[in-house]
Amino acid sequence: MQRVTLQPGLSMSRIVYGMWRLGDDSDTAPKHVQTKIEACLAQGITTMDQADIYGGYMAEEIMGAALKAAPALKDQIEVVTKCDIVAPAGRYADAPCKYYDTSRAHILASVDHSLRLMDVDKIDVLLIYRPDPMMDHHETGAALDEVVASGKVRAVGVSNFKLHDWTLLQSAMKARLVTNQIELSLAAHQGFTNGDVTYLQERGVPIMAWSPLGGGALMNATGDLKAALADVAAANGVDAAAVAVAWLLAHPANIAPVMGTNNISRISALSDALKVKMDRATWFSLYTAALGHEVP
């Protein structure tokens, strides 16, 4: 599988396995989680996407139990995780409301929590999960530089940041932000025209795309979009999900879709997207169907 370079010596697989639903599975035993990771590795999917808040602050621990039981997996994967959301759940059950915390103390504590829960000695990429309207960019930037310098984190990035959020934080950092994880799909395609993709593409920053199937909406598409997905799927011998992912992969901005499912057979088929032939006309036929009208 193609890989995307984040910085010298660090890359991620072009398709990423998202673990936000890990705690939703009826079976969270280490062996079952290990099977999911191994199904990814069999296809060249080596990058695992986590966040401290996933599963009510439990998903990292579920993954960690699997890695503790099968430590050889640690050297075969890259771990991405996120911090800064504090919600009244898990270890923050006493929080008075949901809020964002990009303080140095919170970032450092979150990194230590994640390392311990996932049973790893380093985080490959740490993302600030949401733009914080109370962020002191000097404090946050210095904290991110600090966790990189400590060796606990190899690289840092962000999630859901707009151009102005990105430039503010980067202006106070020595380390380079290596990715922005944003919502992108045929169901949420505004990033291709509102500057989100353009800004990152211009700077050669790889993009991670969350909810590439539109939260399942694309699998229940109707009308022209349903027909367009079905036509391309039939022509390539894959399902509509693979076509939707291939649509993102075809873009020259180095987009890495983050795929989340607990179904082993679906995990094993994630790389089917690589089988799809996606020329420019096919890309635009799908885009047109998603827009609901032809391009200007």
Protein backbone atom coordinates (compact mmCIF):
# COMPACT_ATOMS: atom_id res chain seq x y z
CA MET A 1 0.00 0.00 0.00
CA GLN A 2 1.17 3.51 -0.78
CA ARG A 3 2.51 5.50 2.15
CA VAL A 4 2.45 9.19 2.91
CA THR A 5 5.48 10.91 4.43
CA LEU A 6 4.70 13.14 7.39
CA GLN A 7 8.28 14.07 8.17
CA PRO A 8 11.67 12.42 7.58
CA GLY A 9 11.54 8.95 9.12
CA LEU A 10 7.80 9.00 9.78
CA SER A 11 5.03 7.99 7.40
CA MET A 12 1.49 6.68 7.55
CA SER A 13 -0.43 4.21 5.45
CA ARG A 14 -2.65 5.80 2.80
CA ILE A 15 -5.70 4.23 4.47
CA VAL A 16 -5.93 4.63 8.24
CA TYR A 17 -7.90 2.44 10.65
CA GLY A 18 -10.05 4.58 12.92
CA MET A 19 -10.72 3.24 16.39
CA TRP A 20 -13.47 5.60 17.55
CA ARG A 21 -15.96 2.71 17.62
CA LEU A 22 -13.65 0.23 19.33
CA GLY A 23 -15.57 0.38 22.59
CA ASP A 24 -18.92 -0.06 20.82
CA ASP A 25 -18.16 -3.65 19.86
CA SER A 26 -19.78 -6.34 21.97
CA ASP A 27 -16.38 -8.04 22.05
CA THR A 28 -13.53 -5.85 23.30
CA ALA A 29 -11.29 -8.73 24.39
CA PRO A 30 -7.60 -8.30 23.53
CA LYS A 31 -7.62 -11.23 21.10
CA HIS A 32 -10.52 -9.77 19.11
CA VAL A 33 -8.89 -6.35 18.91
CA GLN A 34 -5.65 -8.05 17.89
CA THR A 35 -7.54 -9.74 15.03
CA LYS A 36 -8.71 -6.33 13.80
CA ILE A 37 -5.20 -4.92 13.83
CA GLU A 38 -3.83 -7.98 12.06
CA ALA A 39 -6.55 -7.71 9.40
CA CYS A 40 -5.36 -4.17 8.78
CA LEU A 41 -1.70 -5.15 8.65
CA ALA A 42 -2.44 -7.87 6.11
CA GLN A 43 -3.46 -5.10 3.71
CA GLY A 44 -0.63 -2.72 4.52
CA ILE A 45 -2.80 -0.56 6.78
CA THR A 46 -0.40 0.24 9.60
CA THR A 47 -1.72 3.51 11.01
CA MET A 48 -4.18 3.33 13.91
CA ASP A 49 -6.19 6.45 14.75
CA GLN A 50 -7.20 7.00 18.36
CA ALA A 51 -8.28 9.83 20.68
CA ASP A 52 -8.30 10.00 24.44
CA ILE A 53 -12.06 10.69 24.40
CA TYR A 54 -13.01 7.74 22.18
CA GLY A 55 -15.32 5.28 23.88
CA GLY A 56 -15.84 7.58 26.85
CA TYR A 57 -12.07 7.63 27.43
CA MET A 58 -11.91 3.83 27.17
CA ALA A 59 -10.82 3.06 23.58
CA GLU A 60 -7.12 3.69 24.18
CA GLU A 61 -7.17 1.25 27.09
CA ILE A 62 -8.96 -1.38 24.99
CA MET A 63 -6.30 -1.05 22.32
CA GLY A 64 -3.57 -1.08 24.95
CA ALA A 65 -4.78 -4.38 26.37
CA ALA A 66 -4.44 -5.92 22.91
CA LEU A 67 -0.93 -4.51 22.44
CA LYS A 68 0.10 -5.71 25.88
CA ALA A 69 -1.10 -9.20 25.00
CA ALA A 70 0.62 -9.11 21.60
CA PRO A 71 3.58 -6.72 22.01
CA ALA A 72 5.07 -7.62 18.61
CA LEU A 73 2.30 -5.53 17.03
CA LYS A 74 3.72 -2.33 18.51
CA ASP A 75 6.63 -2.27 16.06
CA GLN A 76 4.30 -2.79 13.10
CA ILE A 77 1.96 0.15 13.60
CA GLU A 78 1.92 3.93 13.87
CA VAL A 79 -0.24 5.33 16.64
CA VAL A 80 -2.14 8.58 16.17
CA THR A 81 -4.10 9.98 19.09
CA LYS A 82 -5.75 13.26 20.07
CA CYS A 83 -6.36 15.40 23.11
CA ASP A 84 -7.98 18.64 24.35
CA ILE A 85 -11.66 17.62 24.64
CA VAL A 86 -12.86 17.36 28.24
CA ALA A 87 -16.32 15.82 28.51
CA PRO A 88 -18.28 14.60 31.55
CA ALA A 89 -17.30 10.93 31.11
CA GLY A 90 -14.65 8.48 32.22
CA ARG A 91 -11.81 10.14 34.11
CA TYR A 92 -13.51 13.52 33.60
CA ALA A 93 -16.90 12.41 34.90
CA ASP A 94 -16.93 15.35 37.31
CA ALA A 95 -16.45 17.97 34.57
CA PRO A 96 -19.25 20.56 34.84
CA CYS A 97 -19.64 20.72 31.05
CA LYS A 98 -17.90 19.77 27.83
CA TYR A 99 -14.99 22.07 27.05
CA TYR A 100 -11.60 22.27 25.39
CA ASP A 101 -8.30 22.42 27.26
CA THR A 102 -5.11 23.24 25.37
CA SER A 103 -3.11 24.20 28.44
CA ARG A 104 0.38 22.81 28.98
CA ALA A 105 -0.75 20.88 32.06
CA HIS A 106 -3.58 19.19 30.20
CA ILE A 107 -1.51 18.31 27.13
CA LEU A 108 1.31 16.81 29.21
CA ALA A 109 -1.13 14.86 31.38
CA SER A 110 -3.02 13.62 28.32
CA VAL A 111 0.17 12.36 26.69
CA ASP A 112 1.13 10.44 29.82
CA HIS A 113 -2.37 8.98 30.12
CA SER A 114 -2.35 7.87 26.47
CA LEU A 115 1.09 6.28 26.70
CA ARG A 116 0.08 4.32 29.76
CA LEU A 117 -3.35 3.27 28.51
CA MET A 118 -2.12 2.19 25.08
CA ASP A 119 0.94 0.49 26.58
CA VAL A 120 3.32 2.18 24.15
CA ASP A 121 6.52 4.11 24.78
CA LYS A 122 5.82 6.79 22.20
CA ILE A 123 2.96 8.37 20.27
CA ASP A 124 3.76 8.70 16.59
CA VAL A 125 1.42 11.64 15.98
CA LEU A 126 -0.43 13.69 18.60
CA LEU A 127 -3.28 15.87 17.33
CA ILE A 128 -5.03 18.77 19.02
CA TYR A 129 -8.58 17.53 18.47
CA ARG A 130 -10.60 20.75 18.21
CA PRO A 131 -9.75 24.45 17.87
CA ASP A 132 -9.88 25.98 21.34
CA PRO A 133 -11.37 29.51 21.42
CA MET A 134 -9.45 30.08 24.68
CA MET A 135 -6.13 28.78 23.36
CA ASP A 136 -3.01 30.60 24.41
CA HIS A 137 -1.04 29.70 21.30
CA HIS A 138 2.29 30.42 22.97
CA GLU A 139 1.52 28.02 25.83
CA THR A 140 0.01 25.35 23.57
CA GLY A 141 2.78 25.61 20.99
CA ALA A 142 5.48 25.36 23.64
CA ALA A 143 3.76 22.33 25.19
CA LEU A 144 3.64 20.55 21.84
CA ASP A 145 7.30 21.35 21.24
CA GLU A 146 8.02 20.00 24.73
CA VAL A 147 6.38 16.61 24.19
CA VAL A 148 8.26 16.22 20.91
CA ALA A 149 11.57 17.18 22.51
CA SER A 150 10.91 14.69 25.32
CA GLY A 151 10.66 11.80 22.84
CA LYS A 152 7.19 10.88 24.03
CA VAL A 153 5.69 12.16 20.77
CA ARG A 154 7.34 11.93 17.36
CA ALA A 155 5.24 14.53 15.56
CA VAL A 156 2.27 16.78 16.17
CA GLY A 157 -0.69 17.95 14.13
CA VAL A 158 -4.26 19.14 14.51
CA SER A 159 -7.82 18.13 13.73
CA ASN A 160 -10.73 20.26 12.49
CA PHE A 161 -8.55 23.39 12.26
CA LYS A 162 -9.25 26.19 9.81
CA LEU A 163 -6.45 28.10 8.10
CA HIS A 164 -6.40 30.83 10.75
CA ASP A 165 -6.34 28.27 13.59
CA TRP A 166 -3.42 26.48 11.91
CA THR A 167 -1.32 29.58 11.32
CA LEU A 168 -1.90 30.89 14.84
CA LEU A 169 -0.67 27.70 16.49
CA GLN A 170 2.18 27.12 14.03
CA SER A 171 3.44 30.66 14.60
CA ALA A 172 4.29 29.76 18.21
CA MET A 173 6.01 26.43 17.49
CA LYS A 174 9.42 25.12 16.55
CA ALA A 175 8.09 21.72 15.45
CA ARG A 176 6.17 21.59 12.19
CA LEU A 177 2.52 20.59 12.23
CA VAL A 178 2.41 17.50 10.03
CA THR A 179 -1.30 16.93 9.33
CA ASN A 180 -4.82 18.23 9.76
CA GLN A 181 -7.60 15.68 10.21
CA ILE A 182 -10.76 17.18 8.71
CA GLU A 183 -14.15 15.93 7.57
CA LEU A 184 -14.08 15.05 3.87
CA SER A 185 -16.32 12.82 1.79
CA LEU A 186 -18.79 12.86 -1.05
CA ALA A 187 -21.32 13.80 1.61
CA ALA A 188 -19.13 16.57 3.07
CA HIS A 189 -17.19 17.92 0.10
CA GLN A 190 -17.08 21.61 1.05
CA GLY A 191 -13.41 21.30 2.00
CA PHE A 192 -12.51 21.07 -1.67
CA THR A 193 -13.83 24.57 -2.36
CA ASN A 194 -13.68 26.50 0.94
CA GLY A 195 -9.88 26.55 1.21
CA ASP A 196 -9.43 23.72 3.71
CA VAL A 197 -7.83 21.36 1.19
CA THR A 198 -6.17 24.09 -0.88
CA TYR A 199 -4.26 25.54 2.06
CA LEU A 200 -2.82 22.18 3.08
CA GLN A 201 -2.17 21.04 -0.48
CA GLU A 202 -0.21 24.21 -1.24
CA ARG A 203 2.05 23.50 1.73
CA GLY A 204 2.45 19.79 1.02
CA VAL A 205 0.72 18.84 4.27
CA PRO A 206 -0.97 15.41 4.11
CA ILE A 207 -4.64 15.41 5.04
CA MET A 208 -6.42 12.84 7.18
CA ALA A 209 -10.12 12.57 6.28
CA TRP A 210 -12.56 11.59 9.01
CA SER A 211 -15.98 10.15 8.23
CA PRO A 212 -15.08 9.35 4.60
CA LEU A 213 -18.40 7.54 4.19
CA GLY A 214 -20.36 10.46 5.60
CA GLY A 215 -21.15 8.64 8.81
CA GLY A 216 -22.79 5.91 6.73
CA ALA A 217 -24.92 8.38 4.78
CA LEU A 218 -23.24 7.46 1.50
CA MET A 219 -24.26 3.85 1.94
CA ASN A 220 -27.86 5.04 2.10
CA ALA A 221 -27.55 7.54 -0.74
CA THR A 222 -30.49 8.04 -3.03
CA GLY A 223 -31.08 9.35 -6.54
CA ASP A 224 -28.16 10.31 -8.78
CA LEU A 225 -25.48 9.75 -6.15
CA LYS A 226 -26.68 6.23 -5.41
CA ALA A 227 -26.72 5.45 -9.13
CA ALA A 228 -23.29 6.97 -9.74
CA LEU A 229 -21.72 5.02 -6.87
CA ALA A 230 -23.39 1.80 -8.05
CA ASP A 231 -22.19 2.27 -11.63
CA VAL A 232 -18.55 2.77 -10.63
CA ALA A 233 -18.76 -0.06 -8.10
CA ALA A 234 -20.12 -2.50 -10.70
CA ALA A 235 -17.46 -1.50 -13.23
CA ASN A 236 -14.69 -2.24 -10.70
CA GLY A 237 -16.11 -5.25 -8.88
CA VAL A 238 -16.26 -3.52 -5.49
CA ASP A 239 -18.96 -2.04 -3.26
CA ALA A 240 -20.05 1.59 -3.01
CA ALA A 241 -17.93 2.17 0.11
CA ALA A 242 -14.76 1.34 -1.80
CA VAL A 243 -15.76 3.81 -4.52
CA ALA A 244 -16.36 6.59 -1.99
CA VAL A 245 -12.94 6.00 -0.46
CA ALA A 246 -11.27 5.78 -3.88
CA TRP A 247 -12.76 9.18 -4.71
CA LEU A 248 -10.74 10.69 -1.86
CA LEU A 249 -7.60 8.71 -2.65
CA ALA A 250 -7.63 9.96 -6.25
CA HIS A 251 -7.21 13.59 -5.22
CA PRO A 252 -3.62 14.93 -5.53
CA ALA A 253 -3.62 16.40 -2.00
CA ASN A 254 -2.47 13.13 -0.37
CA ILE A 255 -5.71 12.44 1.51
CA ALA A 256 -5.65 9.50 3.92
CA PRO A 257 -9.22 8.33 4.70
CA VAL A 258 -9.75 7.22 8.30
CA MET A 259 -11.98 4.15 8.19
CA GLY A 260 -13.85 3.02 11.28
CA THR A 261 -15.65 -0.31 11.52
CA ASN A 262 -15.72 -3.21 13.97
CA ASN A 263 -16.74 -5.78 11.37
CA ILE A 264 -13.76 -8.01 10.57
CA SER A 265 -14.91 -8.74 7.02
CA ARG A 266 -15.29 -5.03 6.32
CA ILE A 267 -11.90 -4.32 7.84
CA SER A 268 -10.41 -6.97 5.56
CA ALA A 269 -11.97 -5.24 2.54
CA LEU A 270 -10.77 -1.70 3.29
CA SER A 271 -8.07 -1.94 0.63
CA ASP A 272 -10.67 -2.67 -2.07
CA ALA A 273 -10.63 1.08 -2.67
CA LEU A 274 -7.23 0.63 -4.27
CA LYS A 275 -8.82 -1.51 -7.01
CA VAL A 276 -11.00 1.31 -8.31
CA LYS A 277 -9.99 3.07 -11.51
CA MET A 278 -10.75 6.73 -10.88
CA ASP A 279 -10.00 8.97 -13.84
CA ARG A 280 -10.90 12.67 -13.91
CA ALA A 281 -14.25 12.15 -15.65
CA THR A 282 -15.27 9.48 -13.13
CA TRP A 283 -14.21 11.71 -10.24
CA PHE A 284 -16.32 14.56 -11.57
CA SER A 285 -19.29 12.33 -12.31
CA LEU A 286 -19.39 11.39 -8.63
CA TYR A 287 -18.80 14.99 -7.55
CA THR A 288 -21.62 16.18 -9.81
CA ALA A 289 -23.98 13.61 -8.33
CA ALA A 290 -22.99 14.69 -4.81
CA LEU A 291 -23.53 18.36 -5.67
CA GLY A 292 -26.89 17.64 -7.24
CA HIS A 293 -26.01 19.74 -10.28
CA GLU A 294 -23.24 20.05 -12.82
CA VAL A 295 -20.21 22.16 -12.03
CA PRO A 296 -20.38 25.80 -13.27
